[in-house]
Amino acid sequence: MRPPVAHHHPARGASRRPSRFLIVEDEKRLAVSLAKGLTAEGYAVDVVHDGLEGLHRAGEGVYDLVILDIMLPGLNGYRVCAALRAAGHDVPILMLTAKDGEYDEAEGLDTGADDYLTKPFSYVVLVARLKALLRRRGQGAGASPVHVHGDLRVDTGARRVFLGEDEVTLTAKEFAVLEQLVVRAGQVVSKAEILEHVWDFAYDGDPNIVEVYVSALRRKLRAGLIRTVRGAGYRLETGR
């Protein structure tokens, strides 16, 4: 018999159809604290504490987003994520990791995770990341995940990039920056917009980090593919 899932419902006066989150986290105090905070934000939140139950609940297909810890009893977060993707579930997944180094970014992306946060994390940053994932899901609804511009092909669903016949290997952040440019190809995307979507609005590091990643993309793809628009941002050129 499965243990009952803990339900947290949004406060009265919130939206009639709030986004519904599933938290899969075995640290019960953290899970309850997150659930209370997100409920106050107007979301509907369910909480479970082990991987097998998390897989079952997420597999029901009723959630808009899953917050998934990596180190879980029963089934770890990587396996839960991989099983959901193998079953065809495209729900956004934010992974939580206890410390730097525990989360292998390549492994996480291979299993289909959309983003991750390292504990301890700022609650403000968490909410920003969740909102960004929801926005991304909304923008992609009904749209083709494959963007073709000349000889550049970007599959945002499979997270694969091809230049001509050759596949180009990108890091998670490189891909995220390219994704922001490719979905608005031909338009100028500001550095602030890239920071907000790829990192988050609470990022307090060097804003020139965007230039670093754009430079890396130019090296791996083609120098003239991403144009710098002085004082405005960057534009992905649509011609060859």
Protein backbone atom coordinates (compact mmCIF):
# COMPACT_ATOMS: atom_id res chain seq x y z
CA MET A 1 0.00 0.00 0.00
CA ARG A 2 1.46 3.33 -1.01
CA PRO A 3 1.84 6.06 1.61
CA PRO A 4 -0.52 8.97 1.01
CA VAL A 5 0.93 11.89 -0.91
CA ALA A 6 1.05 15.18 0.97
CA HIS A 7 -1.11 17.78 -0.76
CA HIS A 8 -0.60 21.52 -0.41
CA HIS A 9 -3.20 23.73 -2.02
CA PRO A 10 -2.85 27.39 -2.94
CA ALA A 11 -4.18 30.06 -0.67
CA ARG A 12 -7.69 31.34 -1.24
CA GLY A 13 -7.83 34.02 -3.92
CA ALA A 14 -5.07 32.44 -6.00
CA SER A 15 -5.58 31.48 -9.65
CA ARG A 16 -8.29 28.89 -10.28
CA ARG A 17 -5.94 26.76 -12.32
CA PRO A 18 -2.53 27.05 -10.68
CA SER A 19 0.48 25.23 -12.06
CA ARG A 20 0.87 21.94 -10.22
CA PHE A 21 4.27 20.88 -8.92
CA LEU A 22 5.54 17.57 -7.57
CA ILE A 23 8.39 17.70 -5.05
CA VAL A 24 10.36 14.45 -4.72
CA GLU A 25 12.68 15.06 -1.77
CA ASP A 26 13.60 12.79 1.15
CA GLU A 27 14.67 15.65 3.43
CA LYS A 28 11.23 16.14 4.91
CA ARG A 29 11.84 19.53 6.51
CA LEU A 30 13.17 20.92 3.24
CA ALA A 31 10.31 19.39 1.24
CA VAL A 32 7.66 20.82 3.56
CA SER A 33 9.37 24.22 3.62
CA LEU A 34 9.49 24.34 -0.18
CA ALA A 35 5.89 23.23 -0.44
CA LYS A 36 4.72 25.95 1.94
CA GLY A 37 6.66 28.63 0.09
CA LEU A 38 5.46 27.55 -3.36
CA THR A 39 1.88 27.24 -2.12
CA ALA A 40 2.09 30.83 -0.90
CA GLU A 41 3.25 31.75 -4.43
CA GLY A 42 -0.04 30.36 -5.75
CA TYR A 43 1.05 26.92 -6.96
CA ALA A 44 -0.56 23.58 -6.12
CA VAL A 45 2.11 21.31 -4.63
CA ASP A 46 2.33 17.59 -3.89
CA VAL A 47 5.20 16.05 -1.92
CA VAL A 48 6.62 12.51 -1.82
CA HIS A 49 9.81 11.32 -0.19
CA ASP A 50 11.20 8.41 -2.24
CA GLY A 51 12.10 7.76 -5.85
CA LEU A 52 9.67 4.94 -6.61
CA GLU A 53 6.70 6.90 -5.34
CA GLY A 54 7.98 9.97 -7.19
CA LEU A 55 8.15 8.01 -10.45
CA HIS A 56 4.62 6.71 -9.94
CA ARG A 57 3.20 10.16 -9.18
CA ALA A 58 5.06 11.96 -11.96
CA GLY A 59 4.02 9.23 -14.38
CA GLU A 60 0.38 10.14 -13.83
CA GLY A 61 0.98 13.09 -16.16
CA VAL A 62 -0.87 15.68 -14.07
CA TYR A 63 2.09 17.87 -13.13
CA ASP A 64 3.41 20.98 -14.83
CA LEU A 65 6.85 20.62 -13.22
CA VAL A 66 8.81 18.17 -11.06
CA ILE A 67 11.40 19.16 -8.44
CA LEU A 68 13.54 16.05 -8.12
CA ASP A 69 16.30 15.33 -5.60
CA ILE A 70 19.13 13.12 -6.85
CA MET A 71 19.89 11.11 -3.71
CA LEU A 72 16.61 9.34 -2.95
CA PRO A 73 15.68 6.04 -1.30
CA GLY A 74 14.19 3.41 -3.58
CA LEU A 75 15.30 4.95 -6.88
CA ASN A 76 17.73 7.82 -7.40
CA GLY A 77 16.80 10.98 -9.26
CA TYR A 78 18.77 10.09 -12.39
CA ARG A 79 16.82 6.84 -12.79
CA VAL A 80 13.49 8.51 -12.08
CA CYS A 81 14.23 11.14 -14.71
CA ALA A 82 15.41 8.59 -17.27
CA ALA A 83 12.33 6.41 -16.71
CA LEU A 84 9.98 9.36 -17.18
CA ARG A 85 11.66 10.40 -20.43
CA ALA A 86 11.72 6.81 -21.71
CA ALA A 87 7.96 6.65 -21.08
CA GLY A 88 7.45 9.79 -23.17
CA HIS A 89 6.79 12.29 -20.35
CA ASP A 90 8.12 15.76 -21.23
CA VAL A 91 7.32 17.47 -17.91
CA PRO A 92 10.07 19.96 -16.98
CA ILE A 93 12.39 18.54 -14.31
CA LEU A 94 14.54 20.61 -11.95
CA MET A 95 17.10 18.45 -10.14
CA LEU A 96 18.37 19.22 -6.66
CA THR A 97 21.86 18.15 -5.61
CA ALA A 98 23.47 18.23 -2.19
CA LYS A 99 26.86 19.60 -3.18
CA ASP A 100 29.03 20.58 -6.12
CA GLY A 101 30.32 17.51 -7.90
CA GLU A 102 27.46 15.21 -6.94
CA TYR A 103 25.50 16.24 -10.00
CA ASP A 104 27.15 15.21 -13.23
CA GLU A 105 25.82 17.74 -15.73
CA ALA A 106 26.32 15.44 -18.70
CA GLU A 107 24.56 12.56 -16.97
CA GLY A 108 21.72 14.79 -15.89
CA LEU A 109 21.18 16.06 -19.42
CA ASP A 110 21.49 12.55 -20.85
CA THR A 111 18.62 11.46 -18.61
CA GLY A 112 16.54 14.45 -19.67
CA ALA A 113 16.76 16.94 -16.79
CA ASP A 114 16.00 20.55 -17.73
CA ASP A 115 17.90 22.37 -14.97
CA TYR A 116 19.53 21.83 -11.57
CA LEU A 117 20.28 23.65 -8.33
CA THR A 118 22.98 22.93 -5.78
CA LYS A 119 22.03 22.88 -2.09
CA PRO A 120 21.98 25.11 -0.17
CA PHE A 121 20.23 27.40 -2.62
CA SER A 122 18.41 30.70 -2.45
CA TYR A 123 14.64 30.31 -2.43
CA VAL A 124 14.41 33.36 -4.71
CA VAL A 125 16.70 31.63 -7.21
CA LEU A 126 14.62 28.45 -7.02
CA VAL A 127 11.41 30.32 -7.82
CA ALA A 128 13.12 32.16 -10.68
CA ARG A 129 14.32 28.88 -12.18
CA LEU A 130 10.86 27.31 -11.85
CA LYS A 131 9.22 30.28 -13.55
CA ALA A 132 11.79 30.16 -16.35
CA LEU A 133 11.05 26.45 -16.92
CA LEU A 134 7.31 27.13 -17.00
CA ARG A 135 7.83 29.99 -19.47
CA ARG A 136 9.97 27.79 -21.67
CA ARG A 137 7.32 25.07 -21.62
CA GLY A 138 4.61 27.59 -22.51
CA GLN A 139 6.63 29.07 -25.36
CA GLY A 140 7.27 25.61 -26.77
CA ALA A 141 3.67 24.38 -26.62
CA GLY A 142 2.55 23.35 -30.08
CA ALA A 143 5.83 24.46 -31.66
CA SER A 144 8.32 22.26 -33.44
CA PRO A 145 11.36 21.54 -31.25
CA VAL A 146 13.64 21.57 -34.32
CA HIS A 147 14.88 24.93 -35.61
CA VAL A 148 16.62 25.04 -38.99
CA HIS A 149 18.55 28.11 -40.13
CA GLY A 150 20.68 27.55 -43.20
CA ASP A 151 22.99 24.67 -42.39
CA LEU A 152 22.39 25.00 -38.64
CA ARG A 153 19.87 22.62 -37.09
CA VAL A 154 19.00 22.84 -33.40
CA ASP A 155 16.77 20.19 -31.84
CA THR A 156 15.62 21.73 -28.55
CA GLY A 157 13.74 18.57 -27.59
CA ALA A 158 16.71 16.20 -27.95
CA ARG A 159 19.23 18.97 -27.13
CA ARG A 160 21.31 18.22 -30.22
CA VAL A 161 22.99 20.66 -32.60
CA PHE A 162 24.11 19.99 -36.17
CA LEU A 163 26.12 22.17 -38.53
CA GLY A 164 25.73 20.67 -41.97
CA GLU A 165 26.17 16.92 -41.52
CA ASP A 166 28.29 17.24 -38.39
CA GLU A 167 26.93 17.12 -34.86
CA VAL A 168 28.39 19.79 -32.56
CA THR A 169 28.82 18.95 -28.89
CA LEU A 170 27.82 21.80 -26.55
CA THR A 171 27.83 22.11 -22.78
CA ALA A 172 24.49 22.63 -21.03
CA LYS A 173 25.02 26.38 -20.68
CA GLU A 174 26.27 26.76 -24.26
CA PHE A 175 23.16 25.00 -25.50
CA ALA A 176 20.91 27.14 -23.31
CA VAL A 177 22.45 30.35 -24.68
CA LEU A 178 22.12 29.10 -28.26
CA GLU A 179 18.51 28.10 -27.59
CA GLN A 180 17.64 31.66 -26.54
CA LEU A 181 19.10 32.94 -29.79
CA VAL A 182 17.67 30.28 -32.10
CA VAL A 183 14.06 30.60 -30.95
CA ARG A 184 14.31 34.31 -31.84
CA ALA A 185 16.55 34.01 -34.88
CA GLY A 186 16.89 37.28 -36.74
CA GLN A 187 15.92 39.28 -33.65
CA VAL A 188 18.21 41.00 -31.17
CA VAL A 189 18.36 39.24 -27.79
CA SER A 190 19.81 41.35 -25.00
CA LYS A 191 22.48 40.22 -22.59
CA ALA A 192 20.01 40.79 -19.72
CA GLU A 193 17.44 38.49 -21.36
CA ILE A 194 20.01 35.75 -21.79
CA LEU A 195 21.14 36.11 -18.17
CA GLU A 196 17.56 35.89 -16.92
CA HIS A 197 16.65 32.83 -18.94
CA VAL A 198 19.90 30.87 -18.83
CA TRP A 199 21.07 31.77 -15.34
CA ASP A 200 18.29 33.67 -13.53
CA PHE A 201 17.45 37.23 -12.58
CA ALA A 202 19.13 36.78 -9.19
CA TYR A 203 22.50 35.96 -10.77
CA ASP A 204 25.05 38.30 -9.19
CA GLY A 205 28.21 37.19 -10.96
CA ASP A 206 30.00 38.88 -13.85
CA PRO A 207 27.45 39.75 -16.60
CA ASN A 208 30.27 39.35 -19.12
CA ILE A 209 29.80 35.61 -18.66
CA VAL A 210 27.36 35.85 -21.59
CA GLU A 211 30.19 37.07 -23.85
CA VAL A 212 32.30 34.10 -22.77
CA TYR A 213 29.60 31.65 -23.86
CA VAL A 214 28.85 33.49 -27.10
CA SER A 215 32.57 33.35 -27.94
CA ALA A 216 32.58 29.61 -27.24
CA LEU A 217 29.58 29.13 -29.54
CA ARG A 218 31.31 31.08 -32.31
CA ARG A 219 34.37 28.85 -32.02
CA LYS A 220 32.31 25.67 -32.11
CA LEU A 221 29.86 26.76 -34.80
CA ARG A 222 30.92 29.60 -37.09
CA ALA A 223 32.29 33.04 -36.30
CA GLY A 224 29.72 34.99 -38.31
CA LEU A 225 26.69 33.03 -37.11
CA ILE A 226 26.10 35.17 -34.02
CA ARG A 227 26.26 38.90 -34.64
CA THR A 228 26.99 41.39 -31.85
CA VAL A 229 24.64 44.37 -32.04
CA ARG A 230 26.56 47.04 -30.15
CA GLY A 231 24.71 48.30 -27.10
CA ALA A 232 21.74 46.01 -27.74
CA GLY A 233 22.72 42.33 -27.59
CA TYR A 234 23.18 39.45 -30.00
CA ARG A 235 21.41 38.24 -33.11
CA LEU A 236 21.51 34.82 -34.75
CA GLU A 237 21.96 35.38 -38.47
CA THR A 238 19.50 33.36 -40.52
CA GLY A 239 21.50 33.21 -43.76
CA ARG A 240 24.48 30.95 -44.49
